[in-house]
Amino acid sequence: MNPKVLDAFALAIIGGEGPPAYPGLAGHAPDLAAARKSAGAVDSAMALLKRLAPDGGCYFAESNFFEPGWQQAYWGPNYQRLVAVKQKYDPAGLFFVHHGVGSEAWNADGFTRVSAGRAQ
């Protein structure tokens, strides 16, 4: 966790929601236009907060799925130490989660590794 979270004076939660979506299941297909609109609204709200607190941190479990600077936002100065621990105890990368420690080694689909900026 980013240690800045422990000293924060406020917690802001910005979210979007929608019904469960299951690609290929009639009546439950994702509404991509609505999802993009919701993601855009979250990005706009986050941009305002980041202007007010540019060095703020995030709590990983309640974070922006599309956060571009996630290593710093979620893990702060702990990130490099956490990567070393992950490499020691999970060198094959068996345990993977979107924006988790070491996940930059994996494609966004979670099934293929990334090598020199390219999926294998």
Protein backbone atom coordinates (compact mmCIF):
# COMPACT_ATOMS: atom_id res chain seq x y z
CA MET A 1 0.00 0.00 0.00
CA ASN A 2 1.16 3.52 -0.67
CA PRO A 3 2.11 4.93 2.77
CA LYS A 4 0.53 8.27 1.81
CA VAL A 5 -2.85 6.63 2.34
CA LEU A 6 -2.10 6.31 6.06
CA ASP A 7 -1.59 10.06 6.45
CA ALA A 8 -4.42 11.19 4.20
CA PHE A 9 -6.82 13.80 5.52
CA ALA A 10 -9.65 12.59 3.28
CA LEU A 11 -10.82 9.60 1.32
CA ALA A 12 -12.61 10.24 -1.95
CA ILE A 13 -14.41 7.46 -3.76
CA ILE A 14 -15.55 8.11 -7.32
CA GLY A 15 -17.29 5.34 -9.14
CA GLY A 16 -19.45 4.25 -11.95
CA GLU A 17 -21.77 1.32 -12.01
CA GLY A 18 -23.92 -0.73 -14.24
CA PRO A 19 -25.66 -4.06 -14.40
CA PRO A 20 -23.61 -7.27 -14.63
CA ALA A 21 -22.28 -7.73 -18.15
CA TYR A 22 -21.46 -11.03 -19.79
CA PRO A 23 -20.20 -10.93 -23.38
CA GLY A 24 -22.15 -13.34 -25.52
CA LEU A 25 -25.06 -13.79 -23.08
CA ALA A 26 -28.24 -12.40 -24.59
CA GLY A 27 -29.68 -9.55 -22.56
CA HIS A 28 -26.50 -9.09 -20.57
CA ALA A 29 -24.03 -7.90 -23.21
CA PRO A 30 -21.77 -5.02 -22.09
CA ASP A 31 -22.97 -1.55 -23.05
CA LEU A 32 -19.61 -0.24 -24.28
CA ALA A 33 -20.86 3.30 -24.92
CA ALA A 34 -22.21 3.59 -21.38
CA ALA A 35 -19.03 2.06 -19.95
CA ARG A 36 -16.82 4.52 -21.86
CA LYS A 37 -19.01 7.42 -20.72
CA SER A 38 -18.74 6.26 -17.11
CA ALA A 39 -14.96 5.79 -17.39
CA GLY A 40 -14.68 9.30 -18.86
CA ALA A 41 -16.63 10.76 -15.94
CA VAL A 42 -14.33 8.98 -13.46
CA ASP A 43 -11.26 10.28 -15.34
CA SER A 44 -12.62 13.85 -15.23
CA ALA A 45 -13.29 13.65 -11.50
CA MET A 46 -9.86 12.13 -10.86
CA ALA A 47 -8.20 14.90 -12.86
CA LEU A 48 -9.76 17.46 -10.53
CA LEU A 49 -8.59 15.61 -7.45
CA LYS A 50 -5.08 15.21 -8.84
CA ARG A 51 -4.88 18.96 -9.39
CA LEU A 52 -5.78 19.51 -5.73
CA ALA A 53 -3.49 16.77 -4.42
CA PRO A 54 -0.93 15.93 -7.13
CA ASP A 55 1.12 13.70 -4.84
CA GLY A 56 -1.80 11.85 -3.26
CA GLY A 57 -1.93 8.10 -3.02
CA CYS A 58 -4.51 5.47 -3.77
CA TYR A 59 -5.82 2.49 -1.90
CA PHE A 60 -5.43 -0.41 -4.32
CA ALA A 61 -8.77 -2.11 -3.65
CA GLU A 62 -10.67 1.09 -4.44
CA SER A 63 -8.73 2.43 -7.37
CA ASN A 64 -9.07 3.56 -10.97
CA PHE A 65 -8.81 0.55 -13.28
CA PHE A 66 -7.23 2.82 -15.90
CA GLU A 67 -4.75 4.66 -13.61
CA PRO A 68 -1.72 5.42 -15.81
CA GLY A 69 0.75 5.91 -12.94
CA TRP A 70 -0.46 2.98 -10.89
CA GLN A 71 2.92 1.84 -9.53
CA GLN A 72 3.43 5.14 -7.73
CA ALA A 73 -0.24 5.81 -6.96
CA TYR A 74 -0.94 2.42 -5.38
CA TRP A 75 2.38 1.34 -3.97
CA GLY A 76 4.40 4.59 -3.64
CA PRO A 77 8.04 4.26 -2.58
CA ASN A 78 7.43 0.62 -1.63
CA TYR A 79 7.07 -0.53 -5.24
CA GLN A 80 10.66 -1.52 -6.04
CA ARG A 81 11.01 -3.42 -2.77
CA LEU A 82 7.72 -5.22 -3.46
CA VAL A 83 8.91 -6.15 -6.97
CA ALA A 84 12.04 -7.70 -5.46
CA VAL A 85 9.94 -9.72 -3.00
CA LYS A 86 7.63 -10.86 -5.79
CA GLN A 87 10.57 -11.91 -7.96
CA LYS A 88 12.02 -13.89 -5.07
CA TYR A 89 8.84 -15.75 -4.07
CA ASP A 90 6.92 -15.82 -7.38
CA PRO A 91 9.58 -15.77 -10.11
CA ALA A 92 7.23 -17.37 -12.66
CA GLY A 93 4.55 -14.74 -12.05
CA LEU A 94 1.89 -17.29 -11.10
CA PHE A 95 -0.01 -14.75 -9.02
CA PHE A 96 -1.19 -11.95 -11.27
CA VAL A 97 -3.75 -9.19 -10.80
CA HIS A 98 -4.42 -6.09 -12.89
CA HIS A 99 -2.12 -3.33 -11.59
CA GLY A 100 -0.68 -5.64 -8.98
CA VAL A 101 3.02 -5.70 -8.21
CA GLY A 102 4.85 -7.03 -11.27
CA SER A 103 1.80 -6.96 -13.53
CA GLU A 104 3.55 -4.76 -16.07
CA ALA A 105 5.23 -7.98 -17.18
CA TRP A 106 1.85 -9.22 -18.42
CA ASN A 107 -0.42 -8.16 -21.25
CA ALA A 108 -3.72 -6.58 -20.17
CA ASP A 109 -5.53 -9.84 -20.96
CA GLY A 110 -3.52 -11.59 -18.22
CA PHE A 111 -2.69 -14.52 -20.48
CA THR A 112 0.48 -13.45 -22.27
CA ARG A 113 3.74 -11.99 -21.09
CA VAL A 114 5.06 -8.70 -22.41
CA SER A 115 8.62 -8.68 -23.69
CA ALA A 116 10.39 -5.49 -24.77
CA GLY A 117 7.02 -3.76 -25.16
CA ARG A 118 5.48 -6.57 -27.21
CA ALA A 119 3.18 -9.42 -26.25
CA GLN A 120 4.63 -12.89 -26.70
